[in-house]
């Protein structure tokens, strides 16, 4: 399984808009299924 980065603002916005969010007091995690290529997971970190 390969891991790639989210880099473009439009990629982050798509995850925020269409993904699911999970949160606690210190972290908010957004998850969006990669339908284009199921063998690649992508990770982006926003501060």
PDB file of N, CA and C in Angstrom:
ATOM      1  N   UNK A   1       0.834  -1.169   0.000  1.00  0.00           N
ATOM      2  CA  UNK A   1       0.000   0.000   0.000  1.00  0.00           C
ATOM      3  C   UNK A   1       0.886   1.242   0.000  1.00  0.00           C
ATOM      4  N   UNK A   2       0.640   2.145  -0.923  1.00  0.00           N
ATOM      5  CA  UNK A   2       1.436   3.350  -1.082  1.00  0.00           C
ATOM      6  C   UNK A   2       0.762   4.528  -0.374  1.00  0.00           C
ATOM      7  N   UNK A   3       1.558   5.446   0.161  1.00  0.00           N
ATOM      8  CA  UNK A   3       1.039   6.641   0.825  1.00  0.00           C
ATOM      9  C   UNK A   3       1.547   7.870   0.089  1.00  0.00           C
ATOM     10  N   UNK A   4       0.643   8.790  -0.237  1.00  0.00           N
ATOM     11  CA  UNK A   4       1.001  10.044  -0.888  1.00  0.00           C
ATOM     12  C   UNK A   4       0.449  11.207  -0.078  1.00  0.00           C
ATOM     13  N   UNK A   5       0.950  12.407  -0.343  1.00  0.00           N
ATOM     14  CA  UNK A   5       0.537  13.601   0.388  1.00  0.00           C
ATOM     15  C   UNK A   5      -0.592  14.335  -0.329  1.00  0.00           C
ATOM     16  N   UNK A   6      -1.457  14.962   0.464  1.00  0.00           N
ATOM     17  CA  UNK A   6      -2.375  15.962  -0.073  1.00  0.00           C
ATOM     18  C   UNK A   6      -1.583  17.256  -0.118  1.00  0.00           C
ATOM     19  N   UNK A   7      -1.572  17.936  -1.243  1.00  0.00           N
ATOM     20  CA  UNK A   7      -0.755  19.147  -1.359  1.00  0.00           C
ATOM     21  C   UNK A   7      -1.560  20.367  -1.773  1.00  0.00           C
ATOM     22  N   UNK A   8      -2.496  20.190  -2.681  1.00  0.00           N
ATOM     23  CA  UNK A   8      -3.233  21.329  -3.231  1.00  0.00           C
ATOM     24  C   UNK A   8      -4.391  21.730  -2.326  1.00  0.00           C
ATOM     25  N   UNK A   9      -4.648  23.035  -2.295  1.00  0.00           N
ATOM     26  CA  UNK A   9      -5.760  23.555  -1.513  1.00  0.00           C
ATOM     27  C   UNK A   9      -7.074  22.912  -1.945  1.00  0.00           C
ATOM     28  N   UNK A  10      -7.243  22.683  -3.236  1.00  0.00           N
ATOM     29  CA  UNK A  10      -8.477  22.078  -3.745  1.00  0.00           C
ATOM     30  C   UNK A  10      -8.655  20.644  -3.243  1.00  0.00           C
ATOM     31  N   UNK A  11      -7.554  19.922  -3.033  1.00  0.00           N
ATOM     32  CA  UNK A  11      -7.631  18.562  -2.497  1.00  0.00           C
ATOM     33  C   UNK A  11      -8.103  18.581  -1.048  1.00  0.00           C
ATOM     34  N   UNK A  12      -7.567  19.516  -0.263  1.00  0.00           N
ATOM     35  CA  UNK A  12      -8.005  19.652   1.127  1.00  0.00           C
ATOM     36  C   UNK A  12      -9.482  20.044   1.189  1.00  0.00           C
ATOM     37  N   UNK A  13      -9.884  21.005   0.355  1.00  0.00           N
ATOM     38  CA  UNK A  13     -11.283  21.449   0.362  1.00  0.00           C
ATOM     39  C   UNK A  13     -12.237  20.316   0.009  1.00  0.00           C
ATOM     40  N   UNK A  14     -11.845  19.449  -0.918  1.00  0.00           N
ATOM     41  CA  UNK A  14     -12.687  18.309  -1.290  1.00  0.00           C
ATOM     42  C   UNK A  14     -12.880  17.366  -0.106  1.00  0.00           C
ATOM     43  N   UNK A  15     -11.821  17.134   0.657  1.00  0.00           N
ATOM     44  CA  UNK A  15     -11.917  16.261   1.833  1.00  0.00           C
ATOM     45  C   UNK A  15     -12.803  16.906   2.890  1.00  0.00           C
ATOM     46  N   UNK A  16     -12.615  18.205   3.139  1.00  0.00           N
ATOM     47  CA  UNK A  16     -13.446  18.909   4.127  1.00  0.00           C
ATOM     48  C   UNK A  16     -14.920  18.872   3.720  1.00  0.00           C
ATOM     49  N   UNK A  17     -15.184  19.076   2.438  1.00  0.00           N
ATOM     50  CA  UNK A  17     -16.558  19.177   1.943  1.00  0.00           C
ATOM     51  C   UNK A  17     -17.258  17.815   1.882  1.00  0.00           C
ATOM     52  N   UNK A  18     -16.569  16.795   1.390  1.00  0.00           N
ATOM     53  CA  UNK A  18     -17.219  15.508   1.136  1.00  0.00           C
ATOM     54  C   UNK A  18     -16.904  14.415   2.144  1.00  0.00           C
ATOM     55  N   UNK A  19     -15.886  14.633   2.975  1.00  0.00           N
ATOM     56  CA  UNK A  19     -15.471  13.594   3.914  1.00  0.00           C
ATOM     57  C   UNK A  19     -16.257  13.612   5.208  1.00  0.00           C
ATOM     58  N   UNK A  20     -15.947  12.661   6.065  1.00  0.00           N
ATOM     59  CA  UNK A  20     -16.527  12.590   7.406  1.00  0.00           C
ATOM     60  C   UNK A  20     -15.509  13.138   8.391  1.00  0.00           C
ATOM     61  N   UNK A  21     -15.996  13.714   9.488  1.00  0.00           N
ATOM     62  CA  UNK A  21     -15.077  14.246  10.491  1.00  0.00           C
ATOM     63  C   UNK A  21     -15.277  13.543  11.823  1.00  0.00           C
ATOM     64  N   UNK A  22     -14.177  13.388  12.527  1.00  0.00           N
ATOM     65  CA  UNK A  22     -14.149  12.815  13.867  1.00  0.00           C
ATOM     66  C   UNK A  22     -13.315  13.764  14.714  1.00  0.00           C
ATOM     67  N   UNK A  23     -13.786  14.079  15.911  1.00  0.00           N
ATOM     68  CA  UNK A  23     -13.049  15.059  16.707  1.00  0.00           C
ATOM     69  C   UNK A  23     -13.058  14.724  18.187  1.00  0.00           C
ATOM     70  N   UNK A  24     -12.062  15.276  18.871  1.00  0.00           N
ATOM     71  CA  UNK A  24     -12.019  15.271  20.330  1.00  0.00           C
ATOM     72  C   UNK A  24     -11.501  16.641  20.748  1.00  0.00           C
ATOM     73  N   UNK A  25     -11.053  16.791  21.963  1.00  0.00           N
ATOM     74  CA  UNK A  25     -10.665  18.115  22.451  1.00  0.00           C
ATOM     75  C   UNK A  25      -9.375  18.657  21.833  1.00  0.00           C
ATOM     76  N   UNK A  26      -8.553  17.814  21.215  1.00  0.00           N
ATOM     77  CA  UNK A  26      -7.284  18.304  20.666  1.00  0.00           C
ATOM     78  C   UNK A  26      -7.083  18.035  19.173  1.00  0.00           C
ATOM     79  N   UNK A  27      -7.981  17.293  18.537  1.00  0.00           N
ATOM     80  CA  UNK A  27      -7.755  16.906  17.146  1.00  0.00           C
ATOM     81  C   UNK A  27      -9.075  16.793  16.398  1.00  0.00           C
ATOM     82  N   UNK A  28      -9.058  17.218  15.146  1.00  0.00           N
ATOM     83  CA  UNK A  28     -10.169  16.967  14.228  1.00  0.00           C
ATOM     84  C   UNK A  28      -9.590  16.188  13.055  1.00  0.00           C
ATOM     85  N   UNK A  29     -10.172  15.037  12.758  1.00  0.00           N
ATOM     86  CA  UNK A  29      -9.699  14.164  11.691  1.00  0.00           C
ATOM     87  C   UNK A  29     -10.773  14.091  10.612  1.00  0.00           C
ATOM     88  N   UNK A  30     -10.383  14.354   9.363  1.00  0.00           N
ATOM     89  CA  UNK A  30     -11.289  14.239   8.226  1.00  0.00           C
ATOM     90  C   UNK A  30     -10.876  13.026   7.407  1.00  0.00           C
ATOM     91  N   UNK A  31     -11.861  12.242   6.991  1.00  0.00           N
ATOM     92  CA  UNK A  31     -11.610  11.018   6.229  1.00  0.00           C
ATOM     93  C   UNK A  31     -12.465  11.044   4.972  1.00  0.00           C
ATOM     94  N   UNK A  32     -11.845  10.724   3.836  1.00  0.00           N
ATOM     95  CA  UNK A  32     -12.571  10.659   2.569  1.00  0.00           C
ATOM     96  C   UNK A  32     -12.019   9.486   1.769  1.00  0.00           C
ATOM     97  N   UNK A  33     -12.888   8.578   1.368  1.00  0.00           N
ATOM     98  CA  UNK A  33     -12.464   7.371   0.652  1.00  0.00           C
ATOM     99  C   UNK A  33     -11.907   7.726  -0.724  1.00  0.00           C
ATOM    100  N   UNK A  34     -10.787   7.120  -1.065  1.00  0.00           N
ATOM    101  CA  UNK A  34     -10.136   7.322  -2.355  1.00  0.00           C
ATOM    102  C   UNK A  34     -10.725   6.319  -3.348  1.00  0.00           C
ATOM    103  N   UNK A  35     -11.688   6.770  -4.133  1.00  0.00           N
ATOM    104  CA  UNK A  35     -12.350   5.883  -5.088  1.00  0.00           C
ATOM    105  C   UNK A  35     -11.545   5.709  -6.372  1.00  0.00           C
ATOM    106  N   UNK A  36     -10.665   6.646  -6.679  1.00  0.00           N
ATOM    107  CA  UNK A  36      -9.899   6.583  -7.927  1.00  0.00           C
ATOM    108  C   UNK A  36      -8.844   5.488  -7.900  1.00  0.00           C
ATOM    109  N   UNK A  37      -8.144   5.371  -6.776  1.00  0.00           N
ATOM    110  CA  UNK A  37      -7.082   4.371  -6.677  1.00  0.00           C
ATOM    111  C   UNK A  37      -7.087   3.799  -5.268  1.00  0.00           C
ATOM    112  N   UNK A  38      -7.633   2.617  -5.120  1.00  0.00           N
ATOM    113  CA  UNK A  38      -7.787   2.015  -3.792  1.00  0.00           C
ATOM    114  C   UNK A  38      -6.474   1.534  -3.193  1.00  0.00           C
ATOM    115  N   UNK A  39      -5.397   1.497  -3.986  1.00  0.00           N
ATOM    116  CA  UNK A  39      -4.099   1.043  -3.487  1.00  0.00           C
ATOM    117  C   UNK A  39      -3.271   2.175  -2.881  1.00  0.00           C
ATOM    118  N   UNK A  40      -3.784   3.414  -2.965  1.00  0.00           N
ATOM    119  CA  UNK A  40      -3.026   4.565  -2.475  1.00  0.00           C
ATOM    120  C   UNK A  40      -3.802   5.278  -1.377  1.00  0.00           C
ATOM    121  N   UNK A  41      -3.163   5.438  -0.219  1.00  0.00           N
ATOM    122  CA  UNK A  41      -3.698   6.270   0.856  1.00  0.00           C
ATOM    123  C   UNK A  41      -3.014   7.618   0.773  1.00  0.00           C
ATOM    124  N   UNK A  42      -3.763   8.689   1.030  1.00  0.00           N
ATOM    125  CA  UNK A  42      -3.192  10.036   0.979  1.00  0.00           C
ATOM    126  C   UNK A  42      -3.369  10.693   2.332  1.00  0.00           C
ATOM    127  N   UNK A  43      -2.359  11.454   2.740  1.00  0.00           N
ATOM    128  CA  UNK A  43      -2.357  12.111   4.037  1.00  0.00           C
ATOM    129  C   UNK A  43      -2.025  13.582   3.863  1.00  0.00           C
ATOM    130  N   UNK A  44      -2.768  14.428   4.554  1.00  0.00           N
ATOM    131  CA  UNK A  44      -2.475  15.861   4.575  1.00  0.00           C
ATOM    132  C   UNK A  44      -2.609  16.367   5.995  1.00  0.00           C
ATOM    133  N   UNK A  45      -1.712  17.260   6.398  1.00  0.00           N
ATOM    134  CA  UNK A  45      -1.759  17.835   7.740  1.00  0.00           C
ATOM    135  C   UNK A  45      -1.926  19.338   7.601  1.00  0.00           C
ATOM    136  N   UNK A  46      -2.909  19.874   8.303  1.00  0.00           N
ATOM    137  CA  UNK A  46      -3.197  21.304   8.277  1.00  0.00           C
ATOM    138  C   UNK A  46      -3.128  21.846   9.692  1.00  0.00           C
ATOM    139  N   UNK A  47      -2.497  22.997   9.835  1.00  0.00           N
ATOM    140  CA  UNK A  47      -2.367  23.606  11.164  1.00  0.00           C
ATOM    141  C   UNK A  47      -3.138  24.908  11.191  1.00  0.00           C
TER     142      UNK A  47
END
